[in-house]
């Protein structure tokens, strides 16, 4: 079981994600490792999660509270800090 600890201290069990979700996280990790533009990384996180979907406040809240979304946003925040704050 691979656990990921968010900056908030919350722990996400990586194995609880579906194969497709794990693949999406892996793609984002690869982009970050390759130092792809921050805003491109954000687009690659956000687009697959929201593309072609009609959201209600409830379904959007469900997305934002999902383990995958939390993990991806945490990765993005760490990348932002590394890119813009650690100079």
PDB file of N, CA and C in Angstrom:
ATOM      1  N   UNK A   1       0.842  -1.181   0.000  1.00  0.00           N
ATOM      2  CA  UNK A   1       0.000   0.000   0.000  1.00  0.00           C
ATOM      3  C   UNK A   1       0.884   1.240   0.000  1.00  0.00           C
ATOM      4  N   UNK A   2       0.723   2.058  -0.996  1.00  0.00           N
ATOM      5  CA  UNK A   2       1.470   3.303  -1.095  1.00  0.00           C
ATOM      6  C   UNK A   2       0.594   4.428  -0.564  1.00  0.00           C
ATOM      7  N   UNK A   3       1.124   5.127   0.423  1.00  0.00           N
ATOM      8  CA  UNK A   3       0.394   6.247   1.004  1.00  0.00           C
ATOM      9  C   UNK A   3       1.068   7.544   0.611  1.00  0.00           C
ATOM     10  N   UNK A   4       0.266   8.548   0.358  1.00  0.00           N
ATOM     11  CA  UNK A   4       0.766   9.867   0.001  1.00  0.00           C
ATOM     12  C   UNK A   4       0.251  10.832   1.052  1.00  0.00           C
ATOM     13  N   UNK A   5       1.156  11.593   1.652  1.00  0.00           N
ATOM     14  CA  UNK A   5       0.740  12.572   2.659  1.00  0.00           C
ATOM     15  C   UNK A   5       0.668  13.955   2.035  1.00  0.00           C
ATOM     16  N   UNK A   6      -0.516  14.550   2.097  1.00  0.00           N
ATOM     17  CA  UNK A   6      -0.730  15.886   1.564  1.00  0.00           C
ATOM     18  C   UNK A   6      -0.062  16.919   2.456  1.00  0.00           C
ATOM     19  N   UNK A   7       0.135  18.111   1.940  1.00  0.00           N
ATOM     20  CA  UNK A   7       0.694  19.199   2.738  1.00  0.00           C
ATOM     21  C   UNK A   7      -0.165  19.472   3.972  1.00  0.00           C
ATOM     22  N   UNK A   8      -1.451  19.187   3.870  1.00  0.00           N
ATOM     23  CA  UNK A   8      -2.373  19.400   4.993  1.00  0.00           C
ATOM     24  C   UNK A   8      -2.202  18.350   6.087  1.00  0.00           C
ATOM     25  N   UNK A   9      -1.456  17.281   5.767  1.00  0.00           N
ATOM     26  CA  UNK A   9      -1.279  16.192   6.715  1.00  0.00           C
ATOM     27  C   UNK A   9      -2.204  15.019   6.459  1.00  0.00           C
ATOM     28  N   UNK A  10      -3.234  15.243   5.628  1.00  0.00           N
ATOM     29  CA  UNK A  10      -4.154  14.154   5.276  1.00  0.00           C
ATOM     30  C   UNK A  10      -3.397  13.107   4.461  1.00  0.00           C
ATOM     31  N   UNK A  11      -3.728  11.848   4.689  1.00  0.00           N
ATOM     32  CA  UNK A  11      -3.073  10.762   3.960  1.00  0.00           C
ATOM     33  C   UNK A  11      -4.030  10.168   2.942  1.00  0.00           C
ATOM     34  N   UNK A  12      -3.508   9.945   1.744  1.00  0.00           N
ATOM     35  CA  UNK A  12      -4.280   9.356   0.654  1.00  0.00           C
ATOM     36  C   UNK A  12      -3.676   7.991   0.356  1.00  0.00           C
ATOM     37  N   UNK A  13      -4.516   6.969   0.357  1.00  0.00           N
ATOM     38  CA  UNK A  13      -4.083   5.626   0.000  1.00  0.00           C
ATOM     39  C   UNK A  13      -4.096   5.535  -1.526  1.00  0.00           C
ATOM     40  N   UNK A  14      -2.910   5.519  -2.120  1.00  0.00           N
ATOM     41  CA  UNK A  14      -2.782   5.518  -3.579  1.00  0.00           C
ATOM     42  C   UNK A  14      -3.486   4.317  -4.197  1.00  0.00           C
ATOM     43  N   UNK A  15      -3.489   3.194  -3.500  1.00  0.00           N
ATOM     44  CA  UNK A  15      -4.110   1.992  -4.052  1.00  0.00           C
ATOM     45  C   UNK A  15      -5.639   2.096  -4.089  1.00  0.00           C
ATOM     46  N   UNK A  16      -6.207   3.090  -3.424  1.00  0.00           N
ATOM     47  CA  UNK A  16      -7.659   3.267  -3.474  1.00  0.00           C
ATOM     48  C   UNK A  16      -8.106   3.920  -4.782  1.00  0.00           C
ATOM     49  N   UNK A  17      -7.153   4.437  -5.553  1.00  0.00           N
ATOM     50  CA  UNK A  17      -7.472   5.057  -6.835  1.00  0.00           C
ATOM     51  C   UNK A  17      -7.618   3.970  -7.904  1.00  0.00           C
ATOM     52  N   UNK A  18      -8.482   4.205  -8.864  1.00  0.00           N
ATOM     53  CA  UNK A  18      -8.631   3.264  -9.976  1.00  0.00           C
ATOM     54  C   UNK A  18      -7.363   3.293 -10.833  1.00  0.00           C
ATOM     55  N   UNK A  19      -7.232   2.331 -11.712  1.00  0.00           N
ATOM     56  CA  UNK A  19      -6.069   2.291 -12.599  1.00  0.00           C
ATOM     57  C   UNK A  19      -5.979   3.563 -13.441  1.00  0.00           C
ATOM     58  N   UNK A  20      -7.109   4.030 -13.959  1.00  0.00           N
ATOM     59  CA  UNK A  20      -7.130   5.253 -14.777  1.00  0.00           C
ATOM     60  C   UNK A  20      -6.713   6.466 -13.947  1.00  0.00           C
ATOM     61  N   UNK A  21      -7.170   6.527 -12.702  1.00  0.00           N
ATOM     62  CA  UNK A  21      -6.797   7.633 -11.827  1.00  0.00           C
ATOM     63  C   UNK A  21      -5.305   7.590 -11.504  1.00  0.00           C
ATOM     64  N   UNK A  22      -4.793   6.400 -11.248  1.00  0.00           N
ATOM     65  CA  UNK A  22      -3.359   6.258 -10.977  1.00  0.00           C
ATOM     66  C   UNK A  22      -2.541   6.659 -12.204  1.00  0.00           C
ATOM     67  N   UNK A  23      -3.031   6.318 -13.382  1.00  0.00           N
ATOM     68  CA  UNK A  23      -2.338   6.689 -14.616  1.00  0.00           C
ATOM     69  C   UNK A  23      -2.314   8.208 -14.775  1.00  0.00           C
ATOM     70  N   UNK A  24      -3.433   8.861 -14.485  1.00  0.00           N
ATOM     71  CA  UNK A  24      -3.508  10.322 -14.575  1.00  0.00           C
ATOM     72  C   UNK A  24      -2.513  10.967 -13.605  1.00  0.00           C
ATOM     73  N   UNK A  25      -2.461  10.475 -12.385  1.00  0.00           N
ATOM     74  CA  UNK A  25      -1.504  10.990 -11.393  1.00  0.00           C
ATOM     75  C   UNK A  25      -0.078  10.768 -11.887  1.00  0.00           C
ATOM     76  N   UNK A  26       0.198   9.595 -12.437  1.00  0.00           N
ATOM     77  CA  UNK A  26       1.527   9.294 -12.959  1.00  0.00           C
ATOM     78  C   UNK A  26       1.933  10.228 -14.086  1.00  0.00           C
ATOM     79  N   UNK A  27       0.986  10.551 -14.975  1.00  0.00           N
ATOM     80  CA  UNK A  27       1.268  11.492 -16.064  1.00  0.00           C
ATOM     81  C   UNK A  27       1.626  12.864 -15.517  1.00  0.00           C
ATOM     82  N   UNK A  28       0.904  13.307 -14.499  1.00  0.00           N
ATOM     83  CA  UNK A  28       1.186  14.601 -13.898  1.00  0.00           C
ATOM     84  C   UNK A  28       2.554  14.590 -13.212  1.00  0.00           C
ATOM     85  N   UNK A  29       2.856  13.515 -12.506  1.00  0.00           N
ATOM     86  CA  UNK A  29       4.175  13.396 -11.868  1.00  0.00           C
ATOM     87  C   UNK A  29       5.289  13.457 -12.910  1.00  0.00           C
ATOM     88  N   UNK A  30       5.065  12.835 -14.055  1.00  0.00           N
ATOM     89  CA  UNK A  30       6.060  12.853 -15.131  1.00  0.00           C
ATOM     90  C   UNK A  30       6.247  14.276 -15.663  1.00  0.00           C
ATOM     91  N   UNK A  31       5.153  14.996 -15.875  1.00  0.00           N
ATOM     92  CA  UNK A  31       5.242  16.383 -16.347  1.00  0.00           C
ATOM     93  C   UNK A  31       6.044  17.236 -15.368  1.00  0.00           C
ATOM     94  N   UNK A  32       5.776  17.045 -14.096  1.00  0.00           N
ATOM     95  CA  UNK A  32       6.492  17.813 -13.068  1.00  0.00           C
ATOM     96  C   UNK A  32       7.976  17.453 -13.083  1.00  0.00           C
ATOM     97  N   UNK A  33       8.290  16.174 -13.196  1.00  0.00           N
ATOM     98  CA  UNK A  33       9.687  15.735 -13.238  1.00  0.00           C
ATOM     99  C   UNK A  33      10.418  16.320 -14.444  1.00  0.00           C
ATOM    100  N   UNK A  34       9.678  16.545 -15.533  1.00  0.00           N
ATOM    101  CA  UNK A  34      10.259  17.113 -16.751  1.00  0.00           C
ATOM    102  C   UNK A  34      10.246  18.643 -16.735  1.00  0.00           C
ATOM    103  N   UNK A  35       9.804  19.244 -15.636  1.00  0.00           N
ATOM    104  CA  UNK A  35       9.743  20.704 -15.475  1.00  0.00           C
ATOM    105  C   UNK A  35       8.915  21.388 -16.557  1.00  0.00           C
ATOM    106  N   UNK A  36       7.798  20.772 -16.900  1.00  0.00           N
ATOM    107  CA  UNK A  36       6.868  21.363 -17.854  1.00  0.00           C
ATOM    108  C   UNK A  36       6.281  22.628 -17.222  1.00  0.00           C
ATOM    109  N   UNK A  37       5.901  23.594 -18.059  1.00  0.00           N
ATOM    110  CA  UNK A  37       5.329  24.844 -17.585  1.00  0.00           C
ATOM    111  C   UNK A  37       4.210  24.593 -16.564  1.00  0.00           C
ATOM    112  N   UNK A  38       4.243  25.340 -15.484  1.00  0.00           N
ATOM    113  CA  UNK A  38       3.276  25.186 -14.387  1.00  0.00           C
ATOM    114  C   UNK A  38       1.832  25.218 -14.883  1.00  0.00           C
ATOM    115  N   UNK A  39       1.521  26.151 -15.764  1.00  0.00           N
ATOM    116  CA  UNK A  39       0.140  26.305 -16.224  1.00  0.00           C
ATOM    117  C   UNK A  39      -0.282  25.163 -17.149  1.00  0.00           C
ATOM    118  N   UNK A  40       0.665  24.570 -17.845  1.00  0.00           N
ATOM    119  CA  UNK A  40       0.371  23.384 -18.648  1.00  0.00           C
ATOM    120  C   UNK A  40       0.074  22.200 -17.732  1.00  0.00           C
ATOM    121  N   UNK A  41       0.818  22.086 -16.652  1.00  0.00           N
ATOM    122  CA  UNK A  41       0.559  21.018 -15.682  1.00  0.00           C
ATOM    123  C   UNK A  41      -0.848  21.195 -15.106  1.00  0.00           C
ATOM    124  N   UNK A  42      -1.196  22.428 -14.743  1.00  0.00           N
ATOM    125  CA  UNK A  42      -2.534  22.693 -14.209  1.00  0.00           C
ATOM    126  C   UNK A  42      -3.610  22.304 -15.217  1.00  0.00           C
ATOM    127  N   UNK A  43      -3.394  22.654 -16.487  1.00  0.00           N
ATOM    128  CA  UNK A  43      -4.364  22.312 -17.528  1.00  0.00           C
ATOM    129  C   UNK A  43      -4.510  20.796 -17.647  1.00  0.00           C
ATOM    130  N   UNK A  44      -3.407  20.079 -17.578  1.00  0.00           N
ATOM    131  CA  UNK A  44      -3.433  18.621 -17.712  1.00  0.00           C
ATOM    132  C   UNK A  44      -4.069  17.959 -16.488  1.00  0.00           C
ATOM    133  N   UNK A  45      -4.066  18.636 -15.372  1.00  0.00           N
ATOM    134  CA  UNK A  45      -4.771  18.136 -14.185  1.00  0.00           C
ATOM    135  C   UNK A  45      -6.267  18.380 -14.338  1.00  0.00           C
ATOM    136  N   UNK A  46      -6.609  19.594 -14.687  1.00  0.00           N
ATOM    137  CA  UNK A  46      -7.997  20.045 -14.670  1.00  0.00           C
ATOM    138  C   UNK A  46      -8.839  19.529 -15.829  1.00  0.00           C
ATOM    139  N   UNK A  47      -8.288  19.525 -17.021  1.00  0.00           N
ATOM    140  CA  UNK A  47      -9.075  19.190 -18.195  1.00  0.00           C
ATOM    141  C   UNK A  47      -9.714  17.800 -18.146  1.00  0.00           C
ATOM    142  N   UNK A  48      -8.961  16.731 -17.840  1.00  0.00           N
ATOM    143  CA  UNK A  48      -9.606  15.413 -17.814  1.00  0.00           C
ATOM    144  C   UNK A  48     -10.670  15.275 -16.727  1.00  0.00           C
ATOM    145  N   UNK A  49     -10.546  16.050 -15.675  1.00  0.00           N
ATOM    146  CA  UNK A  49     -11.507  15.950 -14.587  1.00  0.00           C
ATOM    147  C   UNK A  49     -12.827  16.641 -14.910  1.00  0.00           C
ATOM    148  N   UNK A  50     -12.775  17.674 -15.740  1.00  0.00           N
ATOM    149  CA  UNK A  50     -13.963  18.486 -15.958  1.00  0.00           C
ATOM    150  C   UNK A  50     -14.489  18.477 -17.386  1.00  0.00           C
ATOM    151  N   UNK A  51     -13.700  18.040 -18.344  1.00  0.00           N
ATOM    152  CA  UNK A  51     -14.078  18.107 -19.745  1.00  0.00           C
ATOM    153  C   UNK A  51     -15.373  17.350 -20.034  1.00  0.00           C
ATOM    154  N   UNK A  52     -16.291  18.040 -20.680  1.00  0.00           N
ATOM    155  CA  UNK A  52     -17.536  17.412 -21.112  1.00  0.00           C
ATOM    156  C   UNK A  52     -18.509  17.074 -20.007  1.00  0.00           C
ATOM    157  N   UNK A  53     -18.322  17.641 -18.840  1.00  0.00           N
ATOM    158  CA  UNK A  53     -19.211  17.327 -17.723  1.00  0.00           C
ATOM    159  C   UNK A  53     -20.030  18.561 -17.343  1.00  0.00           C
ATOM    160  N   UNK A  54     -21.264  18.324 -16.992  1.00  0.00           N
ATOM    161  CA  UNK A  54     -22.122  19.383 -16.471  1.00  0.00           C
ATOM    162  C   UNK A  54     -22.190  19.201 -14.964  1.00  0.00           C
ATOM    163  N   UNK A  55     -21.718  20.190 -14.242  1.00  0.00           N
ATOM    164  CA  UNK A  55     -21.627  20.058 -12.799  1.00  0.00           C
ATOM    165  C   UNK A  55     -22.756  20.764 -12.078  1.00  0.00           C
ATOM    166  N   UNK A  56     -23.153  20.149 -10.989  1.00  0.00           N
ATOM    167  CA  UNK A  56     -24.009  20.799 -10.012  1.00  0.00           C
ATOM    168  C   UNK A  56     -23.089  21.164  -8.848  1.00  0.00           C
ATOM    169  N   UNK A  57     -23.567  21.929  -7.934  1.00  0.00           N
ATOM    170  CA  UNK A  57     -22.727  22.269  -6.778  1.00  0.00           C
ATOM    171  C   UNK A  57     -22.345  21.005  -6.014  1.00  0.00           C
ATOM    172  N   UNK A  58     -23.254  20.044  -5.963  1.00  0.00           N
ATOM    173  CA  UNK A  58     -22.976  18.801  -5.246  1.00  0.00           C
ATOM    174  C   UNK A  58     -21.908  17.956  -5.955  1.00  0.00           C
ATOM    175  N   UNK A  59     -22.034  17.811  -7.269  1.00  0.00           N
ATOM    176  CA  UNK A  59     -21.052  16.989  -7.994  1.00  0.00           C
ATOM    177  C   UNK A  59     -19.682  17.665  -8.040  1.00  0.00           C
ATOM    178  N   UNK A  60     -19.658  18.976  -8.086  1.00  0.00           N
ATOM    179  CA  UNK A  60     -18.380  19.690  -8.063  1.00  0.00           C
ATOM    180  C   UNK A  60     -17.719  19.545  -6.698  1.00  0.00           C
ATOM    181  N   UNK A  61     -18.497  19.631  -5.650  1.00  0.00           N
ATOM    182  CA  UNK A  61     -17.971  19.434  -4.296  1.00  0.00           C
ATOM    183  C   UNK A  61     -17.430  18.008  -4.149  1.00  0.00           C
ATOM    184  N   UNK A  62     -18.148  17.044  -4.729  1.00  0.00           N
ATOM    185  CA  UNK A  62     -17.701  15.647  -4.696  1.00  0.00           C
ATOM    186  C   UNK A  62     -16.355  15.496  -5.414  1.00  0.00           C
ATOM    187  N   UNK A  63     -16.208  16.158  -6.562  1.00  0.00           N
ATOM    188  CA  UNK A  63     -14.936  16.124  -7.289  1.00  0.00           C
ATOM    189  C   UNK A  63     -13.819  16.709  -6.433  1.00  0.00           C
ATOM    190  N   UNK A  64     -14.049  17.889  -5.869  1.00  0.00           N
ATOM    191  CA  UNK A  64     -13.016  18.561  -5.075  1.00  0.00           C
ATOM    192  C   UNK A  64     -12.641  17.785  -3.817  1.00  0.00           C
ATOM    193  N   UNK A  65     -13.532  16.960  -3.323  1.00  0.00           N
ATOM    194  CA  UNK A  65     -13.240  16.157  -2.137  1.00  0.00           C
ATOM    195  C   UNK A  65     -12.708  14.767  -2.465  1.00  0.00           C
ATOM    196  N   UNK A  66     -12.585  14.455  -3.749  1.00  0.00           N
ATOM    197  CA  UNK A  66     -12.109  13.126  -4.144  1.00  0.00           C
ATOM    198  C   UNK A  66     -10.609  12.985  -3.873  1.00  0.00           C
ATOM    199  N   UNK A  67     -10.158  11.800  -3.539  1.00  0.00           N
ATOM    200  CA  UNK A  67      -8.740  11.579  -3.272  1.00  0.00           C
ATOM    201  C   UNK A  67      -7.848  11.962  -4.446  1.00  0.00           C
ATOM    202  N   UNK A  68      -8.266  11.642  -5.665  1.00  0.00           N
ATOM    203  CA  UNK A  68      -7.427  11.976  -6.830  1.00  0.00           C
ATOM    204  C   UNK A  68      -7.254  13.479  -6.961  1.00  0.00           C
ATOM    205  N   UNK A  69      -8.345  14.224  -6.865  1.00  0.00           N
ATOM    206  CA  UNK A  69      -8.255  15.679  -7.003  1.00  0.00           C
ATOM    207  C   UNK A  69      -7.363  16.268  -5.918  1.00  0.00           C
ATOM    208  N   UNK A  70      -7.547  15.828  -4.686  1.00  0.00           N
ATOM    209  CA  UNK A  70      -6.721  16.328  -3.589  1.00  0.00           C
ATOM    210  C   UNK A  70      -5.244  16.043  -3.835  1.00  0.00           C
ATOM    211  N   UNK A  71      -4.948  14.834  -4.289  1.00  0.00           N
ATOM    212  CA  UNK A  71      -3.568  14.449  -4.547  1.00  0.00           C
ATOM    213  C   UNK A  71      -2.974  15.290  -5.684  1.00  0.00           C
ATOM    214  N   UNK A  72      -3.728  15.477  -6.770  1.00  0.00           N
ATOM    215  CA  UNK A  72      -3.229  16.252  -7.905  1.00  0.00           C
ATOM    216  C   UNK A  72      -3.011  17.716  -7.542  1.00  0.00           C
ATOM    217  N   UNK A  73      -3.925  18.294  -6.801  1.00  0.00           N
ATOM    218  CA  UNK A  73      -3.771  19.690  -6.394  1.00  0.00           C
ATOM    219  C   UNK A  73      -2.576  19.839  -5.447  1.00  0.00           C
ATOM    220  N   UNK A  74      -2.354  18.844  -4.606  1.00  0.00           N
ATOM    221  CA  UNK A  74      -1.200  18.865  -3.714  1.00  0.00           C
ATOM    222  C   UNK A  74       0.102  18.806  -4.516  1.00  0.00           C
ATOM    223  N   UNK A  75       0.157  17.927  -5.510  1.00  0.00           N
ATOM    224  CA  UNK A  75       1.344  17.858  -6.370  1.00  0.00           C
ATOM    225  C   UNK A  75       1.591  19.197  -7.060  1.00  0.00           C
ATOM    226  N   UNK A  76       0.510  19.813  -7.544  1.00  0.00           N
ATOM    227  CA  UNK A  76       0.631  21.104  -8.212  1.00  0.00           C
ATOM    228  C   UNK A  76       1.136  22.180  -7.253  1.00  0.00           C
ATOM    229  N   UNK A  77       0.636  22.188  -6.039  1.00  0.00           N
ATOM    230  CA  UNK A  77       1.080  23.182  -5.050  1.00  0.00           C
ATOM    231  C   UNK A  77       2.556  22.991  -4.714  1.00  0.00           C
ATOM    232  N   UNK A  78       2.988  21.762  -4.569  1.00  0.00           N
ATOM    233  CA  UNK A  78       4.411  21.502  -4.310  1.00  0.00           C
ATOM    234  C   UNK A  78       5.262  21.981  -5.483  1.00  0.00           C
ATOM    235  N   UNK A  79       4.774  21.745  -6.699  1.00  0.00           N
ATOM    236  CA  UNK A  79       5.492  22.186  -7.894  1.00  0.00           C
ATOM    237  C   UNK A  79       5.538  23.712  -7.952  1.00  0.00           C
ATOM    238  N   UNK A  80       4.432  24.362  -7.629  1.00  0.00           N
ATOM    239  CA  UNK A  80       4.389  25.835  -7.610  1.00  0.00           C
ATOM    240  C   UNK A  80       5.413  26.380  -6.629  1.00  0.00           C
ATOM    241  N   UNK A  81       5.447  25.814  -5.447  1.00  0.00           N
ATOM    242  CA  UNK A  81       6.413  26.270  -4.443  1.00  0.00           C
ATOM    243  C   UNK A  81       7.843  26.076  -4.909  1.00  0.00           C
ATOM    244  N   UNK A  82       8.108  24.933  -5.503  1.00  0.00           N
ATOM    245  CA  UNK A  82       9.451  24.643  -6.001  1.00  0.00           C
ATOM    246  C   UNK A  82       9.831  25.600  -7.136  1.00  0.00           C
ATOM    247  N   UNK A  83       8.890  25.855  -8.022  1.00  0.00           N
ATOM    248  CA  UNK A  83       9.154  26.661  -9.205  1.00  0.00           C
ATOM    249  C   UNK A  83       9.251  28.158  -8.900  1.00  0.00           C
ATOM    250  N   UNK A  84       8.361  28.657  -8.066  1.00  0.00           N
ATOM    251  CA  UNK A  84       8.269  30.094  -7.886  1.00  0.00           C
ATOM    252  C   UNK A  84       8.768  30.614  -6.549  1.00  0.00           C
ATOM    253  N   UNK A  85       8.849  29.773  -5.556  1.00  0.00           N
ATOM    254  CA  UNK A  85       9.225  30.265  -4.233  1.00  0.00           C
ATOM    255  C   UNK A  85      10.623  29.856  -3.791  1.00  0.00           C
ATOM    256  N   UNK A  86      11.176  28.808  -4.360  1.00  0.00           N
ATOM    257  CA  UNK A  86      12.487  28.320  -3.940  1.00  0.00           C
ATOM    258  C   UNK A  86      13.576  28.786  -4.900  1.00  0.00           C
ATOM    259  N   UNK A  87      13.761  30.064  -4.973  1.00  0.00           N
ATOM    260  CA  UNK A  87      14.801  30.600  -5.860  1.00  0.00           C
ATOM    261  C   UNK A  87      15.836  31.338  -5.071  1.00  0.00           C
TER     262      UNK A  87
END
